[in-house]
Amino acid sequence: MPSCRREPVSSERPFDGVTIIEFGHFIAVPWAGQVLADGGAHVVKIEPLEGEPSRHIAPLGGGESRHFLIRNRGKHALPLDLRHRDAREILDALLARADVVLTNMRPGLAAELGVEYEQLAVRHPRVIVGNVTAFGARGPDAGLAGMDLVVQGRSGLMVTGGRVKDGLPTAGESPIADYMAAALLAFGVAGALYRRERTGRGGRVDTSLLLAALALQNNLMVRVEALDGPRHAAFGEWLTRARAGGVPFAEQVERMPRNRVVASQAVYIRTYATKDGALAVACGSPSLRRKFIAAIGHKDPALTEPVADVEGHYAALRAAVEATIASRTTQEWKAALDAAGVPASGVALPVEILDDPQPAANAMFQRFEHPTLGPVTVLGPPVQVDDGGFVPGPPTPPFGSEARAILAWAGFAERDVERLLAGGAVTPTS
């Protein structure tokens, strides 16, 4: 019978010896669990008998999907009916071995199952419980369901992302609040483990998709009352009237107070259309702006002396620069701007990055042979520590194939393993 314990690759791995019980689905908690597994943690993932929902998004067969592959490597999955009469016995055995418990259950379910920190800490004072909610653990929206798209709307991130389709803001294809929440959760768990080494006690780690979305907008999450308070208040009053009067959403966004001077950014911090694609340019300092404007063969008097009409000046310069950059290919401009020391890049399509030599040179992707799918490429660990601190694990074994091994690891004798399997709380595949 195979062991469900993946042996440490190296004692240099930061989470070697840490056992995590994960009640995660979709993105935030599963990806946090995967990052910790890459760092050496032993992660047992509790799934419904039919499998975690992401297994069923564009399924590939055999309980696999692209969504599941990219967020669950290096884990050991246990199909468990949490409502079954035997579930409590199994959970108690697993939780007794846990250093960390990760959850993103719907509101109220964690308490119902007895996996809230306050419930576990009574018997396991060293346990760390990491939890991701949609809107935060307290407040009027604490009990509401929410996912990345909803939270991007609620938080304003959908507006600051600048993506519009058919006149309405959209979140695009990347669930960035989910992934940011995952990174924050993994960081919080690492901090709690470090604190436990000094104090001997566990603790509760909370983050949310809302907090993650606000962190991504940190540049905007500031109000200097003396300067911003009156204009924010005036805008709030206008917005109330505008919405009552049916003012289009695009106009509401256009009237929104902004902290940045946007006139010069229309030339120096933006994307341009080229002869064959698009070019992103970011010149945040006067020296970079001088290099850029010289490299493309233009002049900007405003870089050396005041101009009377800033808006008009940059509107005219913008049109001239747009025409110039549109006359040559992306690669031609990339070569010229690289030589000038200007931060610039062609705008790539995501699928191109899988074959890009720069990520390959930095081991950003993992390529492995899947037992049923064949060669697969996925993103590697999102952080690298020397001497093999983070190592991508193998794909999660076939769903249910480790059920017996996990129950044995949890301390059940063979006869009890067979009893629990026969009772239907756990469904093995072999």
Protein backbone atom coordinates (compact mmCIF):
# COMPACT_ATOMS: atom_id res chain seq x y z
CA MET A 1 0.00 0.00 0.00
CA PRO A 2 1.59 3.31 -1.03
CA SER A 3 2.26 5.97 1.57
CA CYS A 4 0.45 9.25 1.14
CA ARG A 5 3.47 11.04 2.62
CA ARG A 6 5.74 12.63 0.03
CA GLU A 7 9.27 12.42 1.38
CA PRO A 8 11.09 15.75 1.75
CA VAL A 9 13.25 16.57 -1.23
CA SER A 10 15.63 18.62 0.88
CA SER A 11 15.91 19.79 4.46
CA GLU A 12 16.31 23.26 2.94
CA ARG A 13 12.60 23.36 2.08
CA PRO A 14 10.94 25.88 4.43
CA PHE A 15 7.77 23.90 5.17
CA ASP A 16 9.24 20.41 5.55
CA GLY A 17 7.50 18.71 8.48
CA VAL A 18 4.40 20.93 8.27
CA THR A 19 1.11 19.05 7.80
CA ILE A 20 -1.79 20.90 6.21
CA ILE A 21 -5.41 19.78 5.99
CA GLU A 22 -7.02 21.70 3.15
CA PHE A 23 -10.75 22.26 2.72
CA GLY A 24 -10.31 24.30 -0.44
CA HIS A 25 -12.18 24.67 -3.68
CA PHE A 26 -11.77 26.71 -6.86
CA ILE A 27 -8.77 29.08 -6.58
CA ALA A 28 -7.66 30.97 -3.46
CA VAL A 29 -7.18 28.20 -0.90
CA PRO A 30 -6.11 25.51 -3.40
CA TRP A 31 -3.38 27.70 -4.87
CA ALA A 32 -2.17 28.74 -1.41
CA GLY A 33 -2.04 25.05 -0.48
CA GLN A 34 -0.07 24.29 -3.63
CA VAL A 35 2.48 27.03 -2.91
CA LEU A 36 2.99 25.62 0.59
CA ALA A 37 3.27 22.10 -0.85
CA ASP A 38 5.93 23.35 -3.27
CA GLY A 39 7.75 24.56 -0.15
CA GLY A 40 7.70 21.06 1.37
CA ALA A 41 4.42 20.95 3.29
CA HIS A 42 2.46 17.68 3.41
CA VAL A 43 -1.00 18.69 2.16
CA VAL A 44 -4.07 16.46 2.48
CA LYS A 45 -6.93 17.89 0.45
CA ILE A 46 -10.47 17.03 1.54
CA GLU A 47 -12.84 16.81 -1.43
CA PRO A 48 -16.51 15.90 -1.90
CA LEU A 49 -17.15 12.36 -3.10
CA GLU A 50 -17.74 13.73 -6.60
CA GLY A 51 -14.51 15.71 -6.48
CA GLU A 52 -13.63 19.36 -5.99
CA PRO A 53 -15.68 21.58 -8.36
CA SER A 54 -12.69 22.66 -10.45
CA ARG A 55 -12.21 19.04 -11.55
CA HIS A 56 -15.43 19.45 -13.55
CA ILE A 57 -14.58 22.70 -15.38
CA ALA A 58 -13.76 21.67 -18.97
CA PRO A 59 -12.88 18.16 -17.75
CA LEU A 60 -10.10 16.19 -19.44
CA GLY A 61 -11.20 12.78 -18.17
CA GLY A 62 -10.13 10.74 -15.19
CA GLY A 63 -11.14 13.46 -12.75
CA GLU A 64 -8.64 15.93 -14.20
CA SER A 65 -9.04 19.39 -15.67
CA ARG A 66 -6.63 22.17 -16.51
CA HIS A 67 -8.05 24.17 -13.60
CA PHE A 68 -7.40 21.36 -11.14
CA LEU A 69 -3.90 20.60 -12.47
CA ILE A 70 -2.64 24.15 -12.03
CA ARG A 71 -3.68 24.54 -8.38
CA ASN A 72 -3.34 21.14 -6.74
CA ARG A 73 0.01 19.52 -7.49
CA GLY A 74 1.92 17.86 -4.70
CA LYS A 75 -1.22 17.16 -2.65
CA HIS A 76 -2.96 14.00 -1.45
CA ALA A 77 -6.72 13.97 -2.03
CA LEU A 78 -9.29 12.29 0.21
CA PRO A 79 -12.88 12.00 -1.10
CA LEU A 80 -14.95 12.52 2.06
CA ASP A 81 -18.67 13.06 2.58
CA LEU A 82 -18.62 15.70 5.30
CA ARG A 83 -22.30 14.99 6.13
CA HIS A 84 -21.76 11.27 6.70
CA ARG A 85 -22.14 9.84 10.20
CA ASP A 86 -18.48 8.67 10.11
CA ALA A 87 -17.08 11.98 8.87
CA ARG A 88 -16.53 13.39 12.36
CA GLU A 89 -14.37 10.41 13.34
CA ILE A 90 -12.23 10.81 10.23
CA LEU A 91 -11.94 14.58 10.58
CA ASP A 92 -10.90 14.33 14.22
CA ALA A 93 -8.10 11.94 13.30
CA LEU A 94 -6.88 14.15 10.46
CA LEU A 95 -7.12 17.40 12.40
CA ALA A 96 -5.16 15.91 15.30
CA ARG A 97 -2.19 15.68 12.91
CA ALA A 98 -2.59 19.13 11.42
CA ASP A 99 -0.23 22.03 11.88
CA VAL A 100 -2.38 24.13 9.56
CA VAL A 101 -6.00 23.97 8.41
CA LEU A 102 -6.99 25.92 5.29
CA THR A 103 -10.61 26.73 4.45
CA ASN A 104 -12.71 28.82 2.11
CA MET A 105 -16.05 27.28 2.96
CA ARG A 106 -19.33 29.04 2.52
CA PRO A 107 -20.33 31.21 5.51
CA GLY A 108 -21.25 29.10 8.55
CA LEU A 109 -20.08 25.74 7.24
CA ALA A 110 -16.67 25.81 8.95
CA ALA A 111 -18.32 26.30 12.35
CA GLU A 112 -20.87 23.60 11.56
CA LEU A 113 -18.05 21.14 10.83
CA GLY A 114 -16.02 22.20 13.85
CA VAL A 115 -13.04 23.56 11.94
CA GLU A 116 -13.17 27.18 13.09
CA TYR A 117 -10.00 28.22 14.92
CA GLU A 118 -11.81 28.82 18.21
CA GLN A 119 -13.22 25.29 18.09
CA LEU A 120 -9.96 23.57 17.18
CA ALA A 121 -7.72 25.56 19.52
CA VAL A 122 -9.41 24.07 22.59
CA ARG A 123 -7.92 20.65 21.77
CA HIS A 124 -5.06 21.73 19.51
CA PRO A 125 -3.56 24.98 20.83
CA ARG A 126 -0.71 24.90 18.28
CA VAL A 127 -2.98 24.65 15.25
CA ILE A 128 -3.07 27.47 12.71
CA VAL A 129 -6.30 28.02 10.79
CA GLY A 130 -6.11 30.02 7.57
CA ASN A 131 -9.38 31.21 6.11
CA VAL A 132 -10.40 33.08 2.97
CA THR A 133 -13.82 34.73 2.76
CA ALA A 134 -15.33 36.86 0.04
CA PHE A 135 -15.84 40.11 1.97
CA GLY A 136 -14.15 39.64 5.34
CA ALA A 137 -15.04 37.76 8.51
CA ARG A 138 -17.01 40.62 10.07
CA GLY A 139 -19.37 43.38 8.99
CA PRO A 140 -22.70 43.53 7.17
CA ASP A 141 -21.49 41.53 4.16
CA ALA A 142 -19.60 38.84 6.09
CA GLY A 143 -22.22 36.17 5.46
CA LEU A 144 -22.62 36.81 1.75
CA ALA A 145 -21.40 34.49 -0.96
CA GLY A 146 -18.99 35.94 -3.47
CA MET A 147 -16.46 35.02 -6.11
CA ASP A 148 -13.70 36.88 -7.94
CA LEU A 149 -15.94 38.55 -10.52
CA VAL A 150 -18.38 39.75 -7.87
CA VAL A 151 -15.62 41.06 -5.60
CA GLN A 152 -13.88 42.84 -8.47
CA GLY A 153 -17.14 44.69 -8.98
CA ARG A 154 -17.74 45.36 -5.28
CA SER A 155 -14.20 46.62 -4.68
CA GLY A 156 -13.80 48.97 -7.65
CA LEU A 157 -11.06 46.77 -9.12
CA MET A 158 -13.17 46.18 -12.19
CA VAL A 159 -13.04 49.91 -12.90
CA THR A 160 -9.36 50.45 -12.17
CA GLY A 161 -8.54 47.44 -14.34
CA GLY A 162 -9.77 49.49 -17.27
CA ARG A 163 -11.39 46.62 -19.15
CA VAL A 164 -14.65 47.46 -20.91
CA LYS A 165 -16.88 45.30 -23.10
CA ASP A 166 -20.09 46.54 -24.70
CA GLY A 167 -19.96 49.66 -22.55
CA LEU A 168 -19.72 47.75 -19.28
CA PRO A 169 -16.71 47.02 -17.08
CA THR A 170 -15.52 43.42 -17.04
CA ALA A 171 -13.05 41.43 -14.99
CA GLY A 172 -11.25 39.87 -17.93
CA GLU A 173 -10.03 36.28 -17.90
CA SER A 174 -7.60 36.44 -14.99
CA PRO A 175 -9.16 36.07 -11.49
CA ILE A 176 -6.57 38.35 -9.94
CA ALA A 177 -8.34 38.90 -6.60
CA ASP A 178 -8.41 35.13 -6.05
CA TYR A 179 -4.71 34.71 -6.75
CA MET A 180 -3.77 37.73 -4.66
CA ALA A 181 -5.82 36.31 -1.78
CA ALA A 182 -3.97 33.01 -2.17
CA ALA A 183 -0.60 34.75 -1.95
CA LEU A 184 -1.72 36.71 1.11
CA LEU A 185 -2.99 33.53 2.77
CA ALA A 186 0.27 31.66 2.16
CA PHE A 187 2.24 34.64 3.50
CA GLY A 188 0.02 34.84 6.58
CA VAL A 189 0.38 31.12 7.28
CA ALA A 190 4.17 31.38 6.95
CA GLY A 191 4.14 34.26 9.42
CA ALA A 192 1.94 32.36 11.87
CA LEU A 193 4.24 29.32 11.68
CA TYR A 194 7.25 31.53 12.38
CA ARG A 195 5.46 33.09 15.35
CA ARG A 196 4.58 29.62 16.65
CA GLU A 197 8.26 28.71 16.69
CA ARG A 198 8.83 31.58 19.13
CA THR A 199 5.65 31.44 21.21
CA GLY A 200 4.43 27.85 20.97
CA ARG A 201 0.89 28.89 20.11
CA GLY A 202 -1.10 28.67 16.92
CA GLY A 203 -3.53 31.26 15.68
CA ARG A 204 -6.01 32.40 13.10
CA VAL A 205 -5.05 33.84 9.72
CA ASP A 206 -7.78 35.68 7.84
CA THR A 207 -7.82 37.30 4.45
CA SER A 208 -10.51 37.90 1.87
CA LEU A 209 -11.03 38.50 -1.80
CA LEU A 210 -12.13 42.03 -0.91
CA LEU A 211 -8.91 42.79 0.95
CA ALA A 212 -6.90 41.28 -1.89
CA ALA A 213 -8.71 43.46 -4.41
CA LEU A 214 -8.06 46.55 -2.29
CA ALA A 215 -4.38 45.65 -1.96
CA LEU A 216 -4.15 45.49 -5.74
CA GLN A 217 -5.50 49.06 -5.78
CA ASN A 218 -3.16 50.35 -3.10
CA ASN A 219 -2.22 53.36 -5.26
CA LEU A 220 -5.82 54.55 -4.98
CA MET A 221 -6.60 53.52 -1.40
CA VAL A 222 -5.62 56.82 0.20
CA ARG A 223 -7.44 59.98 1.18
CA VAL A 224 -5.65 63.09 2.42
CA GLU A 225 -8.66 64.70 4.06
CA ALA A 226 -7.57 68.32 3.62
CA LEU A 227 -7.03 67.83 -0.11
CA ASP A 228 -9.21 64.92 -1.13
CA GLY A 229 -12.08 65.06 1.35
CA PRO A 230 -14.07 67.91 -0.23
CA ARG A 231 -13.75 66.62 -3.81
CA HIS A 232 -14.60 63.07 -2.77
CA ALA A 233 -17.67 64.35 -0.92
CA ALA A 234 -18.74 66.46 -3.89
CA PHE A 235 -18.32 63.52 -6.23
CA GLY A 236 -20.35 61.31 -3.90
CA GLU A 237 -23.22 63.78 -4.01
CA TRP A 238 -23.00 64.03 -7.80
CA LEU A 239 -22.86 60.24 -8.11
CA THR A 240 -26.05 59.80 -6.10
CA ARG A 241 -27.87 62.21 -8.40
CA ALA A 242 -26.31 60.70 -11.52
CA ARG A 243 -27.37 57.17 -10.67
CA ALA A 244 -30.87 58.32 -9.79
CA GLY A 245 -31.01 60.05 -13.16
CA GLY A 246 -29.72 57.11 -15.17
CA VAL A 247 -26.37 58.62 -16.17
CA PRO A 248 -24.42 55.97 -18.13
CA PHE A 249 -21.78 54.06 -16.20
CA ALA A 250 -19.02 55.22 -18.56
CA GLU A 251 -19.75 58.84 -17.65
CA GLN A 252 -19.71 57.99 -13.94
CA VAL A 253 -16.22 56.52 -14.37
CA GLU A 254 -15.06 59.52 -16.40
CA ARG A 255 -16.09 61.91 -13.61
CA MET A 256 -14.35 59.89 -10.88
CA PRO A 257 -11.69 61.89 -8.95
CA ARG A 258 -8.15 60.71 -9.70
CA ASN A 259 -4.92 61.14 -7.80
CA ARG A 260 -2.60 61.19 -10.80
CA VAL A 261 -1.83 63.86 -13.38
CA VAL A 262 -2.93 62.13 -16.54
CA ALA A 263 -1.90 64.57 -19.30
CA SER A 264 1.73 63.47 -19.63
CA GLN A 265 0.86 59.82 -19.05
CA ALA A 266 -1.03 59.87 -22.32
CA VAL A 267 2.43 59.93 -23.91
CA TYR A 268 4.78 58.27 -21.44
CA ILE A 269 2.85 55.56 -19.57
CA ARG A 270 0.60 53.67 -21.94
CA THR A 271 0.30 51.17 -24.76
CA TYR A 272 0.70 52.12 -28.42
CA ALA A 273 -0.45 50.49 -31.63
CA THR A 274 2.50 49.48 -33.81
CA LYS A 275 2.62 48.35 -37.42
CA ASP A 276 2.08 44.73 -36.38
CA GLY A 277 0.81 44.72 -32.81
CA ALA A 278 1.08 46.75 -29.63
CA LEU A 279 3.85 48.22 -27.48
CA ALA A 280 3.76 48.96 -23.75
CA VAL A 281 5.90 51.87 -22.52
CA ALA A 282 6.40 53.05 -18.93
CA CYS A 283 8.53 56.14 -18.36
CA GLY A 284 7.93 57.28 -14.81
CA SER A 285 10.87 59.64 -14.38
CA PRO A 286 12.03 62.75 -16.29
CA SER A 287 15.24 61.00 -17.35
CA LEU A 288 13.33 58.07 -18.85
CA ARG A 289 10.96 60.44 -20.62
CA ARG A 290 13.89 62.28 -22.18
CA LYS A 291 15.36 58.99 -23.39
CA PHE A 292 12.04 57.85 -24.83
CA ILE A 293 11.19 61.03 -26.66
CA ALA A 294 14.69 61.21 -28.16
CA ALA A 295 14.66 57.54 -29.19
CA ILE A 296 11.48 58.01 -31.22
CA GLY A 297 12.69 61.24 -32.82
CA HIS A 298 10.44 63.77 -31.08
CA LYS A 299 10.91 66.64 -28.64
CA ASP A 300 8.96 67.58 -25.52
CA PRO A 301 9.59 71.17 -24.39
CA ALA A 302 7.58 70.51 -21.22
CA LEU A 303 10.44 68.36 -19.94
CA THR A 304 12.70 71.41 -19.66
CA GLU A 305 10.39 74.39 -19.17
CA PRO A 306 6.77 75.14 -18.23
CA VAL A 307 4.18 75.22 -20.99
CA ALA A 308 1.08 77.37 -20.84
CA ASP A 309 -1.43 74.74 -21.94
CA VAL A 310 -0.36 71.38 -20.52
CA GLU A 311 -3.45 69.52 -21.69
CA GLY A 312 -3.25 70.92 -25.21
CA HIS A 313 0.49 70.34 -25.41
CA TYR A 314 0.27 66.67 -24.51
CA ALA A 315 -2.80 66.10 -26.68
CA ALA A 316 -0.83 67.28 -29.71
CA LEU A 317 2.30 65.37 -28.72
CA ARG A 318 0.27 62.23 -28.12
CA ALA A 319 -1.17 62.31 -31.62
CA ALA A 320 2.27 62.83 -33.15
CA VAL A 321 3.86 60.02 -31.14
CA GLU A 322 1.00 57.64 -31.94
CA ALA A 323 1.53 58.21 -35.66
CA THR A 324 5.27 57.68 -35.36
CA ILE A 325 5.05 54.44 -33.39
CA ALA A 326 2.36 53.08 -35.71
CA SER A 327 4.82 53.39 -38.62
CA ARG A 328 7.19 50.63 -37.44
CA THR A 329 6.93 47.10 -36.08
CA THR A 330 6.89 46.21 -32.42
CA GLN A 331 10.28 44.53 -32.63
CA GLU A 332 11.85 47.55 -34.34
CA TRP A 333 10.67 49.81 -31.54
CA LYS A 334 11.61 47.25 -28.90
CA ALA A 335 15.19 47.15 -30.20
CA ALA A 336 15.46 50.95 -30.29
CA LEU A 337 14.00 51.47 -26.83
CA ASP A 338 16.03 48.64 -25.29
CA ALA A 339 19.17 50.29 -26.65
CA ALA A 340 18.08 53.61 -25.11
CA GLY A 341 17.38 52.01 -21.72
CA VAL A 342 13.64 52.69 -21.87
CA PRO A 343 11.27 50.17 -20.21
CA ALA A 344 9.20 48.83 -23.10
CA SER A 345 7.78 45.56 -24.33
CA GLY A 346 5.61 44.17 -27.02
CA VAL A 347 2.18 43.14 -25.75
CA ALA A 348 2.17 39.34 -25.85
CA LEU A 349 -0.76 36.98 -26.00
CA PRO A 350 -0.79 34.67 -22.96
CA VAL A 351 -0.36 31.53 -25.05
CA GLU A 352 2.92 32.94 -26.44
CA ILE A 353 4.48 33.04 -22.97
CA LEU A 354 4.44 29.25 -22.69
CA ASP A 355 7.17 29.19 -25.36
CA ASP A 356 8.99 32.38 -24.35
CA PRO A 357 12.71 31.84 -23.62
CA GLN A 358 12.78 34.36 -20.73
CA PRO A 359 10.46 32.42 -18.39
CA ALA A 360 12.20 29.22 -19.46
CA ALA A 361 15.60 30.64 -18.50
CA ASN A 362 14.27 31.34 -15.01
CA ALA A 363 12.50 27.99 -14.49
CA MET A 364 9.11 29.68 -14.30
CA PHE A 365 7.35 26.72 -15.91
CA GLN A 366 7.25 23.06 -14.95
CA ARG A 367 7.05 20.43 -17.67
CA PHE A 368 6.13 16.90 -16.64
CA GLU A 369 4.72 13.67 -17.99
CA HIS A 370 1.17 13.10 -16.75
CA PRO A 371 0.26 9.40 -16.46
CA THR A 372 -2.87 9.77 -18.60
CA LEU A 373 -2.60 13.16 -20.32
CA GLY A 374 1.02 12.93 -21.50
CA PRO A 375 3.32 16.00 -21.56
CA VAL A 376 1.92 18.95 -19.58
CA THR A 377 3.31 22.44 -18.95
CA VAL A 378 2.20 24.45 -15.91
CA LEU A 379 3.45 27.43 -13.94
CA GLY A 380 6.13 26.51 -11.42
CA PRO A 381 6.41 27.85 -7.87
CA PRO A 382 5.78 31.63 -7.85
CA VAL A 383 8.81 32.21 -5.62
CA GLN A 384 12.26 30.68 -5.72
CA VAL A 385 14.53 30.03 -2.74
CA ASP A 386 18.09 28.79 -3.17
CA ASP A 387 19.09 25.16 -2.62
CA GLY A 388 15.71 23.84 -3.74
CA GLY A 389 13.56 25.64 -1.21
CA PHE A 390 10.50 25.43 -3.46
CA VAL A 391 10.15 22.43 -5.77
CA PRO A 392 7.06 21.71 -7.90
CA GLY A 393 5.42 18.49 -6.80
CA PRO A 394 3.87 15.81 -8.99
CA PRO A 395 0.23 15.88 -10.09
CA THR A 396 -2.24 14.80 -7.43
CA PRO A 397 -2.62 11.00 -7.80
CA PRO A 398 -5.82 9.64 -9.39
CA PHE A 399 -8.85 10.73 -7.42
CA GLY A 400 -9.57 8.36 -4.54
CA SER A 401 -6.51 6.19 -5.13
CA GLU A 402 -4.88 7.25 -1.85
CA ALA A 403 -7.95 6.89 0.38
CA ARG A 404 -6.67 3.82 2.22
CA ALA A 405 -3.18 5.25 2.61
CA ILE A 406 -4.48 8.54 3.99
CA LEU A 407 -6.74 6.82 6.52
CA ALA A 408 -3.84 4.61 7.62
CA TRP A 409 -1.60 7.67 7.93
CA ALA A 410 -4.31 9.28 10.07
CA GLY A 411 -3.93 6.41 12.54
CA PHE A 412 -6.73 4.01 11.64
CA ALA A 413 -6.04 0.29 11.91
CA GLU A 414 -6.65 -1.76 8.79
CA ARG A 415 -9.98 -3.11 10.05
CA ASP A 416 -11.17 0.44 10.78
CA VAL A 417 -10.05 1.59 7.36
CA GLU A 418 -12.16 -1.13 5.77
CA ARG A 419 -15.09 -0.27 8.05
CA LEU A 420 -14.97 3.40 7.07
CA LEU A 421 -14.69 2.58 3.39
CA ALA A 422 -17.58 0.12 3.58
CA GLY A 423 -19.70 2.71 5.38
CA GLY A 424 -19.50 5.07 2.40
CA ALA A 425 -17.97 8.15 4.04
CA VAL A 426 -14.91 7.74 1.82
CA THR A 427 -14.91 6.43 -1.73
CA PRO A 428 -11.69 4.81 -2.96
CA THR A 429 -11.01 4.06 -6.62
CA SER A 430 -9.13 0.85 -5.85
